[in-house]
Amino acid sequence: MSECLFCKIAAGEIPSSKVYEDEICYAFHDIDPQAPAHFLVIPKAHIGSVAEVNGDNAGVVGHIFTVIAKVCQELGLESYRVVSNIGEQAGQSVFHLHFHVLSGRDMTWPPG
C-alpha cells in the first residue's frame, strides 16, 4: 500500500529507530512511548489488522510472536504486555497490523 505509514517505515522510506528486522517483519521504537520500553512489531507485507488474519497469512503472526519473545529476552524484559488494537473504536490509528510491546512499569487492568 503506497500510502500506508507502516509500509513506508518497513520499506525504509520513513526513518525509524530499528529494534529488529528480518525478511518477514520489522520492529521499531514507538515515537510516543507509553512505558520505559515500548516498541512495535509489524509485518512487512500489508495486513490491515488482526481482523484480516487468515489461513494464508497466519504464519506471519506466529513468526511475529516468536520475534517478540526473542527481542524481549535479548532486552532483558521478563514481564511485558503485547497489544493490538483493531478498529477505530479500539484505538487503531494506523491500519496496518502491528503489535505494541510495553514493559518497564506496572500494567494496570483493565487497561482502559
N, C-alpha and C. Protein backbone atom coordinates (compact mmCIF):
# COMPACT_ATOMS: atom_id res chain seq x y z
N MET A 1 0.85 -1.19 0.00
CA MET A 1 0.00 0.00 0.00
C MET A 1 0.88 1.24 0.00
N SER A 2 0.77 2.01 -1.02
CA SER A 2 1.68 3.14 -1.20
C SER A 2 1.48 4.26 -0.19
N GLU A 3 0.31 4.40 0.40
CA GLU A 3 0.05 5.48 1.34
C GLU A 3 0.13 5.04 2.81
N CYS A 4 0.41 3.78 3.07
CA CYS A 4 0.43 3.26 4.44
C CYS A 4 1.72 3.67 5.16
N LEU A 5 1.56 4.33 6.29
CA LEU A 5 2.70 4.78 7.09
C LEU A 5 3.63 3.63 7.45
N PHE A 6 3.08 2.52 7.94
CA PHE A 6 3.94 1.42 8.37
C PHE A 6 4.56 0.69 7.19
N CYS A 7 3.91 0.64 6.05
CA CYS A 7 4.55 0.08 4.86
C CYS A 7 5.77 0.92 4.49
N LYS A 8 5.64 2.24 4.60
CA LYS A 8 6.75 3.14 4.29
C LYS A 8 7.89 2.98 5.29
N ILE A 9 7.56 2.80 6.56
CA ILE A 9 8.59 2.57 7.58
C ILE A 9 9.31 1.26 7.31
N ALA A 10 8.56 0.19 7.04
CA ALA A 10 9.16 -1.12 6.77
C ALA A 10 10.06 -1.08 5.53
N ALA A 11 9.70 -0.25 4.55
CA ALA A 11 10.48 -0.13 3.32
C ALA A 11 11.68 0.80 3.47
N GLY A 12 11.81 1.46 4.62
CA GLY A 12 12.91 2.38 4.85
C GLY A 12 12.70 3.75 4.25
N GLU A 13 11.48 4.04 3.80
CA GLU A 13 11.17 5.34 3.21
C GLU A 13 10.97 6.42 4.27
N ILE A 14 10.61 6.00 5.47
CA ILE A 14 10.44 6.91 6.61
C ILE A 14 11.37 6.41 7.70
N PRO A 15 12.20 7.29 8.27
CA PRO A 15 13.14 6.83 9.30
C PRO A 15 12.43 6.35 10.57
N SER A 16 13.07 5.39 11.22
CA SER A 16 12.57 4.87 12.49
C SER A 16 13.76 4.38 13.29
N SER A 17 13.52 4.12 14.56
CA SER A 17 14.56 3.60 15.44
C SER A 17 14.41 2.08 15.51
N LYS A 18 15.15 1.40 14.65
CA LYS A 18 15.00 -0.05 14.49
C LYS A 18 15.42 -0.82 15.74
N VAL A 19 14.60 -1.81 16.07
CA VAL A 19 14.89 -2.75 17.16
C VAL A 19 15.28 -4.09 16.57
N TYR A 20 14.61 -4.48 15.48
CA TYR A 20 14.83 -5.80 14.86
C TYR A 20 14.29 -5.77 13.44
N GLU A 21 14.92 -6.58 12.58
CA GLU A 21 14.40 -6.71 11.22
C GLU A 21 14.80 -8.06 10.64
N ASP A 22 13.88 -8.67 9.93
CA ASP A 22 14.18 -9.84 9.12
C ASP A 22 13.34 -9.74 7.85
N GLU A 23 13.28 -10.80 7.07
CA GLU A 23 12.55 -10.74 5.81
C GLU A 23 11.04 -10.66 5.97
N ILE A 24 10.53 -11.00 7.16
CA ILE A 24 9.08 -11.06 7.38
C ILE A 24 8.55 -9.86 8.17
N CYS A 25 9.33 -9.39 9.13
CA CYS A 25 8.81 -8.33 10.00
C CYS A 25 9.87 -7.30 10.34
N TYR A 26 9.39 -6.23 10.93
CA TYR A 26 10.23 -5.10 11.31
C TYR A 26 9.74 -4.60 12.67
N ALA A 27 10.68 -4.32 13.57
CA ALA A 27 10.34 -3.81 14.90
C ALA A 27 11.07 -2.48 15.11
N PHE A 28 10.37 -1.54 15.72
CA PHE A 28 10.95 -0.22 15.94
C PHE A 28 10.35 0.43 17.19
N HIS A 29 11.10 1.36 17.78
CA HIS A 29 10.64 2.06 18.98
C HIS A 29 9.45 2.96 18.64
N ASP A 30 8.47 2.99 19.54
CA ASP A 30 7.31 3.85 19.38
C ASP A 30 7.74 5.31 19.53
N ILE A 31 7.21 6.20 18.70
CA ILE A 31 7.58 7.61 18.78
C ILE A 31 6.93 8.33 19.97
N ASP A 32 5.92 7.70 20.57
CA ASP A 32 5.25 8.26 21.74
C ASP A 32 5.14 7.16 22.79
N PRO A 33 6.27 6.77 23.40
CA PRO A 33 6.26 5.60 24.29
C PRO A 33 5.35 5.78 25.50
N GLN A 34 4.64 4.68 25.80
CA GLN A 34 3.72 4.65 26.93
C GLN A 34 4.28 3.85 28.10
N ALA A 35 5.53 3.43 27.98
CA ALA A 35 6.24 2.68 29.02
C ALA A 35 7.73 2.87 28.77
N PRO A 36 8.56 2.60 29.78
CA PRO A 36 10.01 2.74 29.57
C PRO A 36 10.54 1.94 28.37
N ALA A 37 9.98 0.77 28.14
CA ALA A 37 10.28 0.02 26.92
C ALA A 37 8.98 -0.07 26.14
N HIS A 38 8.99 0.43 24.90
CA HIS A 38 7.78 0.40 24.07
C HIS A 38 8.22 0.37 22.61
N PHE A 39 8.02 -0.79 21.99
CA PHE A 39 8.32 -0.91 20.57
C PHE A 39 7.16 -1.59 19.87
N LEU A 40 7.13 -1.44 18.55
CA LEU A 40 6.10 -2.05 17.72
C LEU A 40 6.74 -3.09 16.82
N VAL A 41 5.98 -4.13 16.52
CA VAL A 41 6.41 -5.13 15.56
C VAL A 41 5.34 -5.21 14.48
N ILE A 42 5.77 -5.07 13.23
CA ILE A 42 4.86 -5.05 12.10
C ILE A 42 5.30 -6.07 11.05
N PRO A 43 4.35 -6.64 10.32
CA PRO A 43 4.75 -7.46 9.18
C PRO A 43 5.17 -6.53 8.04
N LYS A 44 6.11 -6.97 7.22
CA LYS A 44 6.48 -6.17 6.06
C LYS A 44 5.38 -6.19 5.00
N ALA A 45 4.67 -7.29 4.90
CA ALA A 45 3.53 -7.36 3.99
C ALA A 45 2.36 -6.63 4.63
N HIS A 46 1.60 -5.93 3.84
CA HIS A 46 0.48 -5.17 4.39
C HIS A 46 -0.68 -6.10 4.76
N ILE A 47 -1.03 -6.06 6.04
CA ILE A 47 -2.22 -6.71 6.58
C ILE A 47 -2.89 -5.61 7.40
N GLY A 48 -4.16 -5.35 7.18
CA GLY A 48 -4.81 -4.20 7.81
C GLY A 48 -4.92 -4.25 9.32
N SER A 49 -5.19 -5.43 9.87
CA SER A 49 -5.32 -5.60 11.32
C SER A 49 -5.47 -7.09 11.61
N VAL A 50 -5.63 -7.43 12.88
CA VAL A 50 -5.88 -8.82 13.26
C VAL A 50 -7.13 -9.35 12.55
N ALA A 51 -8.08 -8.47 12.27
CA ALA A 51 -9.31 -8.88 11.60
C ALA A 51 -9.07 -9.42 10.19
N GLU A 52 -7.91 -9.16 9.62
CA GLU A 52 -7.58 -9.64 8.28
C GLU A 52 -6.65 -10.86 8.30
N VAL A 53 -6.36 -11.39 9.49
CA VAL A 53 -5.53 -12.59 9.58
C VAL A 53 -6.37 -13.79 9.13
N ASN A 54 -5.77 -14.62 8.28
CA ASN A 54 -6.47 -15.79 7.76
C ASN A 54 -5.46 -16.93 7.58
N GLY A 55 -5.93 -18.03 7.03
CA GLY A 55 -5.07 -19.19 6.84
C GLY A 55 -3.86 -18.93 5.97
N ASP A 56 -3.96 -17.97 5.06
CA ASP A 56 -2.84 -17.67 4.18
C ASP A 56 -1.75 -16.84 4.83
N ASN A 57 -2.10 -16.02 5.83
CA ASN A 57 -1.09 -15.14 6.43
C ASN A 57 -0.88 -15.36 7.93
N ALA A 58 -1.53 -16.36 8.50
CA ALA A 58 -1.42 -16.60 9.95
C ALA A 58 0.01 -16.93 10.38
N GLY A 59 0.79 -17.53 9.50
CA GLY A 59 2.18 -17.85 9.83
C GLY A 59 3.00 -16.61 10.14
N VAL A 60 2.64 -15.49 9.51
CA VAL A 60 3.33 -14.22 9.78
C VAL A 60 3.13 -13.82 11.23
N VAL A 61 1.91 -13.98 11.72
CA VAL A 61 1.61 -13.62 13.11
C VAL A 61 2.38 -14.52 14.07
N GLY A 62 2.42 -15.81 13.79
CA GLY A 62 3.21 -16.72 14.62
C GLY A 62 4.68 -16.32 14.65
N HIS A 63 5.20 -15.95 13.49
CA HIS A 63 6.60 -15.50 13.42
C HIS A 63 6.81 -14.24 14.24
N ILE A 64 5.87 -13.30 14.14
CA ILE A 64 5.99 -12.05 14.91
C ILE A 64 6.04 -12.34 16.40
N PHE A 65 5.22 -13.26 16.89
CA PHE A 65 5.25 -13.57 18.32
C PHE A 65 6.56 -14.26 18.72
N THR A 66 7.14 -15.03 17.83
CA THR A 66 8.47 -15.60 18.09
C THR A 66 9.50 -14.48 18.20
N VAL A 67 9.41 -13.51 17.31
CA VAL A 67 10.32 -12.37 17.34
C VAL A 67 10.13 -11.56 18.61
N ILE A 68 8.89 -11.33 19.02
CA ILE A 68 8.63 -10.58 20.25
C ILE A 68 9.32 -11.27 21.43
N ALA A 69 9.15 -12.59 21.55
CA ALA A 69 9.78 -13.32 22.66
C ALA A 69 11.30 -13.20 22.60
N LYS A 70 11.88 -13.33 21.41
CA LYS A 70 13.33 -13.25 21.23
C LYS A 70 13.86 -11.86 21.60
N VAL A 71 13.22 -10.83 21.07
CA VAL A 71 13.68 -9.46 21.34
C VAL A 71 13.54 -9.13 22.82
N CYS A 72 12.42 -9.50 23.43
CA CYS A 72 12.24 -9.23 24.86
C CYS A 72 13.30 -9.93 25.69
N GLN A 73 13.63 -11.16 25.32
CA GLN A 73 14.68 -11.88 26.04
C GLN A 73 16.02 -11.16 25.87
N GLU A 74 16.33 -10.75 24.65
CA GLU A 74 17.59 -10.03 24.39
C GLU A 74 17.67 -8.71 25.15
N LEU A 75 16.52 -8.05 25.33
CA LEU A 75 16.48 -6.77 26.05
C LEU A 75 16.37 -6.96 27.56
N GLY A 76 16.26 -8.20 28.01
CA GLY A 76 16.13 -8.47 29.44
C GLY A 76 14.77 -8.12 30.00
N LEU A 77 13.75 -8.14 29.16
CA LEU A 77 12.39 -7.83 29.61
C LEU A 77 11.71 -9.12 30.02
N GLU A 78 11.55 -9.31 31.32
CA GLU A 78 10.95 -10.54 31.83
C GLU A 78 9.43 -10.47 31.87
N SER A 79 8.90 -9.26 31.94
CA SER A 79 7.45 -9.06 32.03
C SER A 79 7.08 -7.98 31.04
N TYR A 80 6.11 -8.26 30.20
CA TYR A 80 5.72 -7.28 29.19
C TYR A 80 4.29 -7.53 28.74
N ARG A 81 3.73 -6.53 28.09
CA ARG A 81 2.38 -6.62 27.55
C ARG A 81 2.45 -6.46 26.04
N VAL A 82 1.66 -7.27 25.33
CA VAL A 82 1.55 -7.19 23.88
C VAL A 82 0.13 -6.77 23.56
N VAL A 83 -0.02 -5.69 22.78
CA VAL A 83 -1.33 -5.12 22.49
C VAL A 83 -1.48 -4.93 20.98
N SER A 84 -2.66 -5.26 20.47
CA SER A 84 -3.02 -4.93 19.10
C SER A 84 -4.43 -4.36 19.12
N ASN A 85 -4.58 -3.15 18.63
CA ASN A 85 -5.88 -2.50 18.55
C ASN A 85 -6.49 -2.80 17.18
N ILE A 86 -7.75 -3.16 17.16
CA ILE A 86 -8.43 -3.50 15.91
C ILE A 86 -9.62 -2.57 15.74
N GLY A 87 -9.52 -1.64 14.81
CA GLY A 87 -10.61 -0.70 14.54
C GLY A 87 -10.46 0.60 15.30
N GLU A 88 -11.11 1.63 14.77
CA GLU A 88 -11.00 2.97 15.35
C GLU A 88 -11.47 3.04 16.79
N GLN A 89 -12.60 2.40 17.13
CA GLN A 89 -13.13 2.46 18.48
C GLN A 89 -12.16 1.85 19.49
N ALA A 90 -11.36 0.90 19.05
CA ALA A 90 -10.37 0.27 19.93
C ALA A 90 -9.06 1.05 19.97
N GLY A 91 -8.96 2.10 19.18
CA GLY A 91 -7.77 2.94 19.21
C GLY A 91 -6.78 2.71 18.09
N GLN A 92 -7.15 1.92 17.08
CA GLN A 92 -6.23 1.72 15.96
C GLN A 92 -6.18 2.99 15.13
N SER A 93 -4.98 3.55 14.97
CA SER A 93 -4.84 4.78 14.19
C SER A 93 -4.06 4.56 12.90
N VAL A 94 -3.28 3.48 12.82
CA VAL A 94 -2.59 3.11 11.59
C VAL A 94 -3.15 1.74 11.20
N PHE A 95 -3.75 1.67 10.02
CA PHE A 95 -4.43 0.45 9.62
C PHE A 95 -3.50 -0.49 8.86
N HIS A 96 -2.49 -0.91 9.62
CA HIS A 96 -1.51 -1.92 9.22
C HIS A 96 -1.29 -2.73 10.49
N LEU A 97 -1.42 -4.04 10.40
CA LEU A 97 -1.27 -4.88 11.58
C LEU A 97 0.00 -4.52 12.34
N HIS A 98 -0.14 -4.30 13.64
CA HIS A 98 1.04 -4.03 14.47
C HIS A 98 0.75 -4.44 15.91
N PHE A 99 1.82 -4.82 16.57
CA PHE A 99 1.74 -5.22 17.96
C PHE A 99 2.63 -4.29 18.78
N HIS A 100 2.02 -3.64 19.77
CA HIS A 100 2.77 -2.83 20.72
C HIS A 100 3.34 -3.78 21.78
N VAL A 101 4.59 -3.61 22.11
CA VAL A 101 5.21 -4.36 23.20
C VAL A 101 5.64 -3.33 24.23
N LEU A 102 5.07 -3.44 25.45
CA LEU A 102 5.33 -2.47 26.52
C LEU A 102 5.88 -3.18 27.75
N SER A 103 6.86 -2.54 28.40
CA SER A 103 7.46 -3.13 29.59
C SER A 103 8.14 -2.03 30.40
N GLY A 104 8.50 -2.39 31.62
CA GLY A 104 9.27 -1.47 32.45
C GLY A 104 8.44 -0.69 33.46
N ARG A 105 7.16 -0.98 33.54
CA ARG A 105 6.30 -0.35 34.56
C ARG A 105 5.15 -1.30 34.85
N ASP A 106 4.47 -1.05 35.96
CA ASP A 106 3.29 -1.84 36.27
C ASP A 106 2.20 -1.57 35.24
N MET A 107 1.58 -2.63 34.80
CA MET A 107 0.48 -2.52 33.84
C MET A 107 -0.82 -2.77 34.60
N THR A 108 -1.72 -1.80 34.55
CA THR A 108 -2.99 -1.94 35.27
C THR A 108 -3.99 -2.72 34.44
N TRP A 109 -5.01 -3.23 35.12
CA TRP A 109 -6.09 -3.93 34.44
C TRP A 109 -7.41 -3.54 35.06
N PRO A 110 -8.45 -3.22 34.33
CA PRO A 110 -8.45 -3.22 32.87
C PRO A 110 -7.65 -2.05 32.33
N PRO A 111 -7.17 -2.17 31.09
CA PRO A 111 -6.28 -1.15 30.55
C PRO A 111 -6.96 0.17 30.23
N GLY A 112 -8.28 0.22 30.08
CA GLY A 112 -8.94 1.50 29.86
C GLY A 112 -9.68 1.58 28.56
